[in-house]
């Protein structure tokens, strides 16, 4: 069953599924509110375009807010292959030049990927 069928016709869907390589060890941050956040980056190879001999990649930031996703992320190591399921989020925060934003995947589920 696809996401459109599950949610009904015309309803919006924000589901992301990534399989890629962890580029560095996950890091824990404590927010001013006291909430904990675990962040890491996943590098995903893009499919090659016809005639292109170069390998291109995307580096995607992952944010783990739930206790379960944080615990799973903290077991990861650099170069692990990981599967991340979640939603795309745009986060706003104060930067040196004013308000800035960035996109990241908010993880619902994180696990090592075994092909």
PDB file of N, CA and C in Angstrom:
ATOM      1  N   UNK A   1       0.858  -1.170   0.000  1.00  0.00           N
ATOM      2  CA  UNK A   1       0.000   0.000   0.000  1.00  0.00           C
ATOM      3  C   UNK A   1       0.904   1.234   0.000  1.00  0.00           C
ATOM      4  N   UNK A   2       0.650   2.193  -0.867  1.00  0.00           N
ATOM      5  CA  UNK A   2       1.503   3.372  -0.905  1.00  0.00           C
ATOM      6  C   UNK A   2       0.991   4.450   0.045  1.00  0.00           C
ATOM      7  N   UNK A   3       1.829   5.479   0.275  1.00  0.00           N
ATOM      8  CA  UNK A   3       1.509   6.525   1.251  1.00  0.00           C
ATOM      9  C   UNK A   3       0.249   7.291   0.876  1.00  0.00           C
ATOM     10  N   UNK A   4       0.012   7.512  -0.412  1.00  0.00           N
ATOM     11  CA  UNK A   4      -1.175   8.253  -0.823  1.00  0.00           C
ATOM     12  C   UNK A   4      -2.428   7.447  -0.499  1.00  0.00           C
ATOM     13  N   UNK A   5      -2.388   6.139  -0.732  1.00  0.00           N
ATOM     14  CA  UNK A   5      -3.536   5.290  -0.423  1.00  0.00           C
ATOM     15  C   UNK A   5      -3.786   5.248   1.078  1.00  0.00           C
ATOM     16  N   UNK A   6      -2.726   5.167   1.882  1.00  0.00           N
ATOM     17  CA  UNK A   6      -2.884   5.109   3.331  1.00  0.00           C
ATOM     18  C   UNK A   6      -3.518   6.378   3.882  1.00  0.00           C
ATOM     19  N   UNK A   7      -3.138   7.523   3.345  1.00  0.00           N
ATOM     20  CA  UNK A   7      -3.606   8.795   3.877  1.00  0.00           C
ATOM     21  C   UNK A   7      -4.863   9.300   3.193  1.00  0.00           C
ATOM     22  N   UNK A   8      -5.283   8.665   2.142  1.00  0.00           N
ATOM     23  CA  UNK A   8      -6.460   9.111   1.424  1.00  0.00           C
ATOM     24  C   UNK A   8      -6.076  10.071   0.316  1.00  0.00           C
ATOM     25  N   UNK A   9      -6.894  10.152  -0.707  1.00  0.00           N
ATOM     26  CA  UNK A   9      -6.582  11.022  -1.837  1.00  0.00           C
ATOM     27  C   UNK A   9      -6.576  12.487  -1.420  1.00  0.00           C
ATOM     28  N   UNK A  10      -5.599  13.222  -1.909  1.00  0.00           N
ATOM     29  CA  UNK A  10      -5.517  14.657  -1.642  1.00  0.00           C
ATOM     30  C   UNK A  10      -4.824  15.030  -0.345  1.00  0.00           C
ATOM     31  N   UNK A  11      -4.526  14.057   0.517  1.00  0.00           N
ATOM     32  CA  UNK A  11      -3.826  14.378   1.754  1.00  0.00           C
ATOM     33  C   UNK A  11      -2.331  14.468   1.509  1.00  0.00           C
ATOM     34  N   UNK A  12      -1.658  15.290   2.256  1.00  0.00           N
ATOM     35  CA  UNK A  12      -0.228  15.500   2.085  1.00  0.00           C
ATOM     36  C   UNK A  12       0.571  14.397   2.762  1.00  0.00           C
ATOM     37  N   UNK A  13       1.760  14.129   2.232  1.00  0.00           N
ATOM     38  CA  UNK A  13       2.627  13.083   2.759  1.00  0.00           C
ATOM     39  C   UNK A  13       4.028  13.664   2.921  1.00  0.00           C
ATOM     40  N   UNK A  14       4.661  13.424   4.068  1.00  0.00           N
ATOM     41  CA  UNK A  14       6.034  13.848   4.308  1.00  0.00           C
ATOM     42  C   UNK A  14       6.764  12.662   4.940  1.00  0.00           C
ATOM     43  N   UNK A  15       7.225  11.763   4.088  1.00  0.00           N
ATOM     44  CA  UNK A  15       7.928  10.570   4.538  1.00  0.00           C
ATOM     45  C   UNK A  15       9.238  10.459   3.788  1.00  0.00           C
ATOM     46  N   UNK A  16      10.314  10.236   4.544  1.00  0.00           N
ATOM     47  CA  UNK A  16      11.649  10.112   3.966  1.00  0.00           C
ATOM     48  C   UNK A  16      12.220   8.768   4.389  1.00  0.00           C
ATOM     49  N   UNK A  17      12.835   8.063   3.445  1.00  0.00           N
ATOM     50  CA  UNK A  17      13.554   6.828   3.732  1.00  0.00           C
ATOM     51  C   UNK A  17      14.924   6.952   3.091  1.00  0.00           C
ATOM     52  N   UNK A  18      15.972   6.895   3.910  1.00  0.00           N
ATOM     53  CA  UNK A  18      17.346   7.019   3.427  1.00  0.00           C
ATOM     54  C   UNK A  18      18.138   5.787   3.812  1.00  0.00           C
ATOM     55  N   UNK A  19      19.013   5.362   2.928  1.00  0.00           N
ATOM     56  CA  UNK A  19      20.015   4.356   3.246  1.00  0.00           C
ATOM     57  C   UNK A  19      21.333   4.944   2.781  1.00  0.00           C
ATOM     58  N   UNK A  20      22.263   5.109   3.716  1.00  0.00           N
ATOM     59  CA  UNK A  20      23.535   5.712   3.371  1.00  0.00           C
ATOM     60  C   UNK A  20      24.585   5.452   4.433  1.00  0.00           C
ATOM     61  N   UNK A  21      25.689   6.181   4.300  1.00  0.00           N
ATOM     62  CA  UNK A  21      26.850   5.996   5.181  1.00  0.00           C
ATOM     63  C   UNK A  21      26.897   7.120   6.216  1.00  0.00           C
ATOM     64  N   UNK A  22      27.106   6.745   7.467  1.00  0.00           N
ATOM     65  CA  UNK A  22      27.276   7.739   8.540  1.00  0.00           C
ATOM     66  C   UNK A  22      28.642   8.388   8.354  1.00  0.00           C
ATOM     67  N   UNK A  23      28.679   9.733   8.234  1.00  0.00           N
ATOM     68  CA  UNK A  23      29.935  10.413   7.906  1.00  0.00           C
ATOM     69  C   UNK A  23      30.806  10.715   9.120  1.00  0.00           C
ATOM     70  N   UNK A  24      30.221  10.781  10.306  1.00  0.00           N
ATOM     71  CA  UNK A  24      30.993  10.969  11.539  1.00  0.00           C
ATOM     72  C   UNK A  24      30.131  10.531  12.712  1.00  0.00           C
ATOM     73  N   UNK A  25      30.751  10.299  13.844  1.00  0.00           N
ATOM     74  CA  UNK A  25      30.022   9.806  15.013  1.00  0.00           C
ATOM     75  C   UNK A  25      28.899  10.777  15.407  1.00  0.00           C
ATOM     76  N   UNK A  26      27.721  10.254  15.751  1.00  0.00           N
ATOM     77  CA  UNK A  26      26.624  11.113  16.199  1.00  0.00           C
ATOM     78  C   UNK A  26      27.011  11.924  17.438  1.00  0.00           C
ATOM     79  N   UNK A  27      26.440  13.125  17.541  1.00  0.00           N
ATOM     80  CA  UNK A  27      26.736  14.024  18.662  1.00  0.00           C
ATOM     81  C   UNK A  27      25.452  14.375  19.390  1.00  0.00           C
ATOM     82  N   UNK A  28      25.552  14.455  20.718  1.00  0.00           N
ATOM     83  CA  UNK A  28      24.420  14.840  21.555  1.00  0.00           C
ATOM     84  C   UNK A  28      24.521  16.322  21.899  1.00  0.00           C
ATOM     85  N   UNK A  29      23.387  17.011  21.804  1.00  0.00           N
ATOM     86  CA  UNK A  29      23.311  18.417  22.202  1.00  0.00           C
ATOM     87  C   UNK A  29      22.156  18.576  23.178  1.00  0.00           C
ATOM     88  N   UNK A  30      22.348  19.443  24.150  1.00  0.00           N
ATOM     89  CA  UNK A  30      21.256  19.797  25.056  1.00  0.00           C
ATOM     90  C   UNK A  30      20.776  21.181  24.654  1.00  0.00           C
ATOM     91  N   UNK A  31      19.512  21.287  24.341  1.00  0.00           N
ATOM     92  CA  UNK A  31      18.924  22.547  23.893  1.00  0.00           C
ATOM     93  C   UNK A  31      18.664  23.448  25.103  1.00  0.00           C
ATOM     94  N   UNK A  32      18.495  24.763  24.876  1.00  0.00           N
ATOM     95  CA  UNK A  32      18.197  25.678  25.985  1.00  0.00           C
ATOM     96  C   UNK A  32      16.964  25.254  26.792  1.00  0.00           C
ATOM     97  N   UNK A  33      16.037  24.543  26.145  1.00  0.00           N
ATOM     98  CA  UNK A  33      14.826  24.076  26.839  1.00  0.00           C
ATOM     99  C   UNK A  33      15.111  22.889  27.750  1.00  0.00           C
ATOM    100  N   UNK A  34      16.314  22.290  27.598  1.00  0.00           N
ATOM    101  CA  UNK A  34      16.652  21.096  28.360  1.00  0.00           C
ATOM    102  C   UNK A  34      16.447  19.816  27.564  1.00  0.00           C
ATOM    103  N   UNK A  35      15.781  19.913  26.409  1.00  0.00           N
ATOM    104  CA  UNK A  35      15.585  18.737  25.553  1.00  0.00           C
ATOM    105  C   UNK A  35      16.918  18.284  24.985  1.00  0.00           C
ATOM    106  N   UNK A  36      17.056  16.969  24.806  1.00  0.00           N
ATOM    107  CA  UNK A  36      18.268  16.430  24.201  1.00  0.00           C
ATOM    108  C   UNK A  36      18.013  16.110  22.741  1.00  0.00           C
ATOM    109  N   UNK A  37      19.040  16.297  21.955  1.00  0.00           N
ATOM    110  CA  UNK A  37      18.998  16.072  20.521  1.00  0.00           C
ATOM    111  C   UNK A  37      20.264  15.338  20.124  1.00  0.00           C
ATOM    112  N   UNK A  38      20.126  14.308  19.292  1.00  0.00           N
ATOM    113  CA  UNK A  38      21.295  13.641  18.715  1.00  0.00           C
ATOM    114  C   UNK A  38      21.272  13.937  17.222  1.00  0.00           C
ATOM    115  N   UNK A  39      22.423  14.385  16.719  1.00  0.00           N
ATOM    116  CA  UNK A  39      22.540  14.739  15.303  1.00  0.00           C
ATOM    117  C   UNK A  39      23.681  13.971  14.656  1.00  0.00           C
ATOM    118  N   UNK A  40      23.486  13.645  13.391  1.00  0.00           N
ATOM    119  CA  UNK A  40      24.556  13.063  12.590  1.00  0.00           C
ATOM    120  C   UNK A  40      24.242  13.319  11.130  1.00  0.00           C
ATOM    121  N   UNK A  41      25.158  12.966  10.276  1.00  0.00           N
ATOM    122  CA  UNK A  41      25.000  13.203   8.842  1.00  0.00           C
ATOM    123  C   UNK A  41      25.128  11.885   8.101  1.00  0.00           C
ATOM    124  N   UNK A  42      24.253  11.710   7.105  1.00  0.00           N
ATOM    125  CA  UNK A  42      24.263  10.528   6.258  1.00  0.00           C
ATOM    126  C   UNK A  42      24.662  10.959   4.845  1.00  0.00           C
ATOM    127  N   UNK A  43      25.608  10.241   4.263  1.00  0.00           N
ATOM    128  CA  UNK A  43      26.033  10.491   2.892  1.00  0.00           C
ATOM    129  C   UNK A  43      25.377   9.438   2.009  1.00  0.00           C
ATOM    130  N   UNK A  44      24.644   9.908   1.013  1.00  0.00           N
ATOM    131  CA  UNK A  44      23.881   9.037   0.121  1.00  0.00           C
ATOM    132  C   UNK A  44      24.383   9.257  -1.304  1.00  0.00           C
ATOM    133  N   UNK A  45      24.729   8.181  -1.987  1.00  0.00           N
ATOM    134  CA  UNK A  45      25.181   8.262  -3.372  1.00  0.00           C
ATOM    135  C   UNK A  45      23.988   8.513  -4.286  1.00  0.00           C
ATOM    136  N   UNK A  46      24.146   9.456  -5.205  1.00  0.00           N
ATOM    137  CA  UNK A  46      23.104   9.719  -6.203  1.00  0.00           C
ATOM    138  C   UNK A  46      23.225   8.730  -7.356  1.00  0.00           C
ATOM    139  N   UNK A  47      22.098   8.392  -7.950  1.00  0.00           N
ATOM    140  CA  UNK A  47      22.191   7.564  -9.161  1.00  0.00           C
ATOM    141  C   UNK A  47      22.931   8.359 -10.247  1.00  0.00           C
ATOM    142  N   UNK A  48      23.764   7.672 -10.994  1.00  0.00           N
ATOM    143  CA  UNK A  48      24.513   8.337 -12.070  1.00  0.00           C
ATOM    144  C   UNK A  48      23.578   8.683 -13.222  1.00  0.00           C
ATOM    145  N   UNK A  49      23.814   9.851 -13.777  1.00  0.00           N
ATOM    146  CA  UNK A  49      23.090  10.275 -14.974  1.00  0.00           C
ATOM    147  C   UNK A  49      23.751   9.641 -16.192  1.00  0.00           C
ATOM    148  N   UNK A  50      23.022   9.469 -17.205  1.00  0.00           N
ATOM    149  CA  UNK A  50      23.541   8.847 -18.435  1.00  0.00           C
ATOM    150  C   UNK A  50      24.800   9.571 -18.906  1.00  0.00           C
ATOM    151  N   UNK A  51      25.863   8.799 -19.106  1.00  0.00           N
ATOM    152  CA  UNK A  51      27.112   9.351 -19.614  1.00  0.00           C
ATOM    153  C   UNK A  51      28.002   9.975 -18.545  1.00  0.00           C
ATOM    154  N   UNK A  52      27.528  10.083 -17.302  1.00  0.00           N
ATOM    155  CA  UNK A  52      28.321  10.700 -16.232  1.00  0.00           C
ATOM    156  C   UNK A  52      29.210   9.643 -15.589  1.00  0.00           C
ATOM    157  N   UNK A  53      30.493   9.922 -15.508  1.00  0.00           N
ATOM    158  CA  UNK A  53      31.427   8.955 -14.907  1.00  0.00           C
ATOM    159  C   UNK A  53      31.750   9.297 -13.463  1.00  0.00           C
ATOM    160  N   UNK A  54      31.336  10.460 -13.000  1.00  0.00           N
ATOM    161  CA  UNK A  54      31.623  10.879 -11.628  1.00  0.00           C
ATOM    162  C   UNK A  54      30.547  10.365 -10.675  1.00  0.00           C
ATOM    163  N   UNK A  55      30.983  10.014  -9.479  1.00  0.00           N
ATOM    164  CA  UNK A  55      30.040   9.657  -8.424  1.00  0.00           C
ATOM    165  C   UNK A  55      29.700  10.928  -7.663  1.00  0.00           C
ATOM    166  N   UNK A  56      28.408  11.208  -7.530  1.00  0.00           N
ATOM    167  CA  UNK A  56      27.959  12.369  -6.766  1.00  0.00           C
ATOM    168  C   UNK A  56      27.222  11.883  -5.526  1.00  0.00           C
ATOM    169  N   UNK A  57      27.319  12.667  -4.464  1.00  0.00           N
ATOM    170  CA  UNK A  57      26.672  12.296  -3.204  1.00  0.00           C
ATOM    171  C   UNK A  57      25.911  13.490  -2.637  1.00  0.00           C
ATOM    172  N   UNK A  58      24.976  13.186  -1.771  1.00  0.00           N
ATOM    173  CA  UNK A  58      24.290  14.195  -0.968  1.00  0.00           C
ATOM    174  C   UNK A  58      24.598  13.911   0.490  1.00  0.00           C
ATOM    175  N   UNK A  59      24.895  14.956   1.250  1.00  0.00           N
ATOM    176  CA  UNK A  59      25.113  14.844   2.698  1.00  0.00           C
ATOM    177  C   UNK A  59      23.868  15.405   3.376  1.00  0.00           C
ATOM    178  N   UNK A  60      23.182  14.558   4.135  1.00  0.00           N
ATOM    179  CA  UNK A  60      21.885  14.923   4.703  1.00  0.00           C
ATOM    180  C   UNK A  60      21.965  14.881   6.219  1.00  0.00           C
ATOM    181  N   UNK A  61      21.581  16.005   6.853  1.00  0.00           N
ATOM    182  CA  UNK A  61      21.592  16.097   8.310  1.00  0.00           C
ATOM    183  C   UNK A  61      20.385  15.372   8.886  1.00  0.00           C
ATOM    184  N   UNK A  62      20.641  14.617   9.966  1.00  0.00           N
ATOM    185  CA  UNK A  62      19.604  13.846  10.647  1.00  0.00           C
ATOM    186  C   UNK A  62      19.485  14.358  12.075  1.00  0.00           C
ATOM    187  N   UNK A  63      18.248  14.568  12.534  1.00  0.00           N
ATOM    188  CA  UNK A  63      17.973  15.004  13.902  1.00  0.00           C
ATOM    189  C   UNK A  63      17.127  13.948  14.597  1.00  0.00           C
ATOM    190  N   UNK A  64      17.580  13.493  15.756  1.00  0.00           N
ATOM    191  CA  UNK A  64      16.873  12.474  16.535  1.00  0.00           C
ATOM    192  C   UNK A  64      16.386  13.101  17.834  1.00  0.00           C
ATOM    193  N   UNK A  65      15.075  13.278  17.942  1.00  0.00           N
ATOM    194  CA  UNK A  65      14.490  13.909  19.125  1.00  0.00           C
ATOM    195  C   UNK A  65      13.913  12.891  20.097  1.00  0.00           C
ATOM    196  N   UNK A  66      13.356  11.799  19.609  1.00  0.00           N
ATOM    197  CA  UNK A  66      12.720  10.839  20.517  1.00  0.00           C
ATOM    198  C   UNK A  66      13.793  10.016  21.231  1.00  0.00           C
ATOM    199  N   UNK A  67      13.455   9.518  22.412  1.00  0.00           N
ATOM    200  CA  UNK A  67      14.410   8.716  23.186  1.00  0.00           C
ATOM    201  C   UNK A  67      14.851   7.492  22.396  1.00  0.00           C
ATOM    202  N   UNK A  68      13.938   6.870  21.691  1.00  0.00           N
ATOM    203  CA  UNK A  68      14.262   5.662  20.927  1.00  0.00           C
ATOM    204  C   UNK A  68      15.224   5.966  19.774  1.00  0.00           C
ATOM    205  N   UNK A  69      14.939   7.019  19.013  1.00  0.00           N
ATOM    206  CA  UNK A  69      15.823   7.335  17.884  1.00  0.00           C
ATOM    207  C   UNK A  69      17.187   7.829  18.374  1.00  0.00           C
ATOM    208  N   UNK A  70      17.216   8.555  19.503  1.00  0.00           N
ATOM    209  CA  UNK A  70      18.503   9.003  20.066  1.00  0.00           C
ATOM    210  C   UNK A  70      19.356   7.807  20.475  1.00  0.00           C
ATOM    211  N   UNK A  71      18.741   6.858  21.166  1.00  0.00           N
ATOM    212  CA  UNK A  71      19.484   5.674  21.622  1.00  0.00           C
ATOM    213  C   UNK A  71      20.023   4.881  20.438  1.00  0.00           C
ATOM    214  N   UNK A  72      19.212   4.712  19.410  1.00  0.00           N
ATOM    215  CA  UNK A  72      19.657   3.983  18.217  1.00  0.00           C
ATOM    216  C   UNK A  72      20.803   4.717  17.521  1.00  0.00           C
ATOM    217  N   UNK A  73      20.692   6.027  17.404  1.00  0.00           N
ATOM    218  CA  UNK A  73      21.722   6.817  16.734  1.00  0.00           C
ATOM    219  C   UNK A  73      23.046   6.768  17.487  1.00  0.00           C
ATOM    220  N   UNK A  74      22.989   6.775  18.798  1.00  0.00           N
ATOM    221  CA  UNK A  74      24.224   6.782  19.588  1.00  0.00           C
ATOM    222  C   UNK A  74      24.994   5.462  19.496  1.00  0.00           C
ATOM    223  N   UNK A  75      24.370   4.413  18.984  1.00  0.00           N
ATOM    224  CA  UNK A  75      25.067   3.144  18.771  1.00  0.00           C
ATOM    225  C   UNK A  75      25.807   3.111  17.430  1.00  0.00           C
ATOM    226  N   UNK A  76      25.581   4.114  16.605  1.00  0.00           N
ATOM    227  CA  UNK A  76      26.222   4.153  15.286  1.00  0.00           C
ATOM    228  C   UNK A  76      27.659   4.646  15.380  1.00  0.00           C
ATOM    229  N   UNK A  77      28.444   4.225  14.402  1.00  0.00           N
ATOM    230  CA  UNK A  77      29.824   4.679  14.288  1.00  0.00           C
ATOM    231  C   UNK A  77      30.051   5.212  12.883  1.00  0.00           C
ATOM    232  N   UNK A  78      31.095   6.000  12.743  1.00  0.00           N
ATOM    233  CA  UNK A  78      31.473   6.510  11.430  1.00  0.00           C
ATOM    234  C   UNK A  78      31.623   5.350  10.452  1.00  0.00           C
ATOM    235  N   UNK A  79      31.138   5.531   9.245  1.00  0.00           N
ATOM    236  CA  UNK A  79      31.183   4.575   8.138  1.00  0.00           C
ATOM    237  C   UNK A  79      30.166   3.439   8.238  1.00  0.00           C
ATOM    238  N   UNK A  80      29.353   3.385   9.302  1.00  0.00           N
ATOM    239  CA  UNK A  80      28.259   2.413   9.331  1.00  0.00           C
ATOM    240  C   UNK A  80      27.276   2.736   8.205  1.00  0.00           C
ATOM    241  N   UNK A  81      26.676   1.699   7.634  1.00  0.00           N
ATOM    242  CA  UNK A  81      25.575   1.922   6.711  1.00  0.00           C
ATOM    243  C   UNK A  81      24.305   1.910   7.540  1.00  0.00           C
ATOM    244  N   UNK A  82      23.477   2.927   7.346  1.00  0.00           N
ATOM    245  CA  UNK A  82      22.323   3.137   8.209  1.00  0.00           C
ATOM    246  C   UNK A  82      21.068   3.331   7.375  1.00  0.00           C
ATOM    247  N   UNK A  83      19.949   2.942   7.951  1.00  0.00           N
ATOM    248  CA  UNK A  83      18.638   3.211   7.363  1.00  0.00           C
ATOM    249  C   UNK A  83      17.918   4.178   8.295  1.00  0.00           C
ATOM    250  N   UNK A  84      17.445   5.285   7.736  1.00  0.00           N
ATOM    251  CA  UNK A  84      16.743   6.307   8.512  1.00  0.00           C
ATOM    252  C   UNK A  84      15.365   6.506   7.906  1.00  0.00           C
ATOM    253  N   UNK A  85      14.350   6.435   8.747  1.00  0.00           N
ATOM    254  CA  UNK A  85      12.987   6.711   8.331  1.00  0.00           C
ATOM    255  C   UNK A  85      12.499   7.909   9.133  1.00  0.00           C
ATOM    256  N   UNK A  86      11.925   8.890   8.449  1.00  0.00           N
ATOM    257  CA  UNK A  86      11.458  10.067   9.160  1.00  0.00           C
ATOM    258  C   UNK A  86      10.735  11.030   8.249  1.00  0.00           C
ATOM    259  N   UNK A  87      10.810  12.322   8.607  1.00  0.00           N
ATOM    260  CA  UNK A  87      10.143  13.378   7.860  1.00  0.00           C
ATOM    261  C   UNK A  87      11.101  14.529   7.629  1.00  0.00           C
ATOM    262  N   UNK A  88      10.924  15.220   6.502  1.00  0.00           N
ATOM    263  CA  UNK A  88      11.727  16.397   6.199  1.00  0.00           C
ATOM    264  C   UNK A  88      11.206  17.571   7.006  1.00  0.00           C
ATOM    265  N   UNK A  89      12.108  18.280   7.674  1.00  0.00           N
ATOM    266  CA  UNK A  89      11.743  19.445   8.489  1.00  0.00           C
ATOM    267  C   UNK A  89      12.607  20.636   8.098  1.00  0.00           C
ATOM    268  N   UNK A  90      12.030  21.814   8.218  1.00  0.00           N
ATOM    269  CA  UNK A  90      12.788  23.051   8.067  1.00  0.00           C
ATOM    270  C   UNK A  90      12.840  23.692   9.440  1.00  0.00           C
ATOM    271  N   UNK A  91      14.057  23.844   9.957  1.00  0.00           N
ATOM    272  CA  UNK A  91      14.265  24.357  11.309  1.00  0.00           C
ATOM    273  C   UNK A  91      14.809  25.779  11.224  1.00  0.00           C
ATOM    274  N   UNK A  92      14.270  26.678  12.026  1.00  0.00           N
ATOM    275  CA  UNK A  92      14.713  28.067  12.075  1.00  0.00           C
ATOM    276  C   UNK A  92      15.466  28.301  13.378  1.00  0.00           C
ATOM    277  N   UNK A  93      16.533  29.084  13.310  1.00  0.00           N
ATOM    278  CA  UNK A  93      17.295  29.419  14.513  1.00  0.00           C
ATOM    279  C   UNK A  93      18.049  30.716  14.282  1.00  0.00           C
ATOM    280  N   UNK A  94      18.559  31.271  15.380  1.00  0.00           N
ATOM    281  CA  UNK A  94      19.301  32.540  15.310  1.00  0.00           C
ATOM    282  C   UNK A  94      20.738  32.266  14.887  1.00  0.00           C
ATOM    283  N   UNK A  95      21.184  32.988  13.886  1.00  0.00           N
ATOM    284  CA  UNK A  95      22.568  32.896  13.420  1.00  0.00           C
ATOM    285  C   UNK A  95      23.257  34.232  13.617  1.00  0.00           C
ATOM    286  N   UNK A  96      24.539  34.322  13.299  1.00  0.00           N
ATOM    287  CA  UNK A  96      25.285  35.570  13.493  1.00  0.00           C
ATOM    288  C   UNK A  96      24.693  36.755  12.723  1.00  0.00           C
ATOM    289  N   UNK A  97      24.100  36.474  11.550  1.00  0.00           N
ATOM    290  CA  UNK A  97      23.538  37.556  10.744  1.00  0.00           C
ATOM    291  C   UNK A  97      22.034  37.671  10.835  1.00  0.00           C
ATOM    292  N   UNK A  98      21.422  37.022  11.813  1.00  0.00           N
ATOM    293  CA  UNK A  98      19.962  37.031  11.945  1.00  0.00           C
ATOM    294  C   UNK A  98      19.410  35.620  11.883  1.00  0.00           C
ATOM    295  N   UNK A  99      18.122  35.546  11.600  1.00  0.00           N
ATOM    296  CA  UNK A  99      17.466  34.229  11.540  1.00  0.00           C
ATOM    297  C   UNK A  99      17.873  33.475  10.286  1.00  0.00           C
ATOM    298  N   UNK A 100      18.177  32.202  10.471  1.00  0.00           N
ATOM    299  CA  UNK A 100      18.537  31.331   9.354  1.00  0.00           C
ATOM    300  C   UNK A 100      17.722  30.045   9.459  1.00  0.00           C
ATOM    301  N   UNK A 101      17.730  29.282   8.382  1.00  0.00           N
ATOM    302  CA  UNK A 101      17.007  28.017   8.415  1.00  0.00           C
ATOM    303  C   UNK A 101      17.830  26.943   7.723  1.00  0.00           C
ATOM    304  N   UNK A 102      17.465  25.709   8.002  1.00  0.00           N
ATOM    305  CA  UNK A 102      18.100  24.573   7.340  1.00  0.00           C
ATOM    306  C   UNK A 102      17.099  23.433   7.291  1.00  0.00           C
ATOM    307  N   UNK A 103      17.283  22.581   6.307  1.00  0.00           N
ATOM    308  CA  UNK A 103      16.462  21.388   6.193  1.00  0.00           C
ATOM    309  C   UNK A 103      17.215  20.215   6.799  1.00  0.00           C
ATOM    310  N   UNK A 104      16.473  19.331   7.428  1.00  0.00           N
ATOM    311  CA  UNK A 104      17.044  18.121   7.999  1.00  0.00           C
ATOM    312  C   UNK A 104      15.943  17.069   8.038  1.00  0.00           C
ATOM    313  N   UNK A 105      16.347  15.837   8.226  1.00  0.00           N
ATOM    314  CA  UNK A 105      15.378  14.758   8.390  1.00  0.00           C
ATOM    315  C   UNK A 105      15.222  14.500   9.881  1.00  0.00           C
ATOM    316  N   UNK A 106      13.993  14.601  10.361  1.00  0.00           N
ATOM    317  CA  UNK A 106      13.689  14.250  11.749  1.00  0.00           C
ATOM    318  C   UNK A 106      13.395  12.754  11.779  1.00  0.00           C
ATOM    319  N   UNK A 107      14.279  12.003  12.428  1.00  0.00           N
ATOM    320  CA  UNK A 107      14.211  10.544  12.383  1.00  0.00           C
ATOM    321  C   UNK A 107      13.145  10.003  13.323  1.00  0.00           C
ATOM    322  N   UNK A 108      12.342   9.097  12.797  1.00  0.00           N
ATOM    323  CA  UNK A 108      11.415   8.303  13.609  1.00  0.00           C
ATOM    324  C   UNK A 108      12.069   6.983  13.977  1.00  0.00           C
ATOM    325  N   UNK A 109      12.865   6.454  13.020  1.00  0.00           N
ATOM    326  CA  UNK A 109      13.508   5.166  13.222  1.00  0.00           C
ATOM    327  C   UNK A 109      14.907   5.216  12.616  1.00  0.00           C
ATOM    328  N   UNK A 110      15.862   4.687  13.367  1.00  0.00           N
ATOM    329  CA  UNK A 110      17.264   4.625  12.920  1.00  0.00           C
ATOM    330  C   UNK A 110      17.747   3.219  13.197  1.00  0.00           C
ATOM    331  N   UNK A 111      18.379   2.606  12.187  1.00  0.00           N
ATOM    332  CA  UNK A 111      18.952   1.279  12.423  1.00  0.00           C
ATOM    333  C   UNK A 111      20.079   1.023  11.425  1.00  0.00           C
ATOM    334  N   UNK A 112      21.018   0.192  11.849  1.00  0.00           N
ATOM    335  CA  UNK A 112      22.065  -0.230  10.928  1.00  0.00           C
ATOM    336  C   UNK A 112      21.422  -0.980   9.788  1.00  0.00           C
ATOM    337  N   UNK A 113      21.917  -0.760   8.601  1.00  0.00           N
ATOM    338  CA  UNK A 113      21.348  -1.411   7.408  1.00  0.00           C
ATOM    339  C   UNK A 113      22.188  -2.625   7.063  1.00  0.00           C
ATOM    340  N   UNK A 114      21.519  -3.733   6.905  1.00  0.00           N
ATOM    341  CA  UNK A 114      22.175  -4.961   6.483  1.00  0.00           C
ATOM    342  C   UNK A 114      21.524  -5.400   5.193  1.00  0.00           C
ATOM    343  N   UNK A 115      22.251  -5.316   4.078  1.00  0.00           N
ATOM    344  CA  UNK A 115      21.665  -5.677   2.783  1.00  0.00           C
ATOM    345  C   UNK A 115      21.250  -7.134   2.696  1.00  0.00           C
TER     346      UNK A 115
END
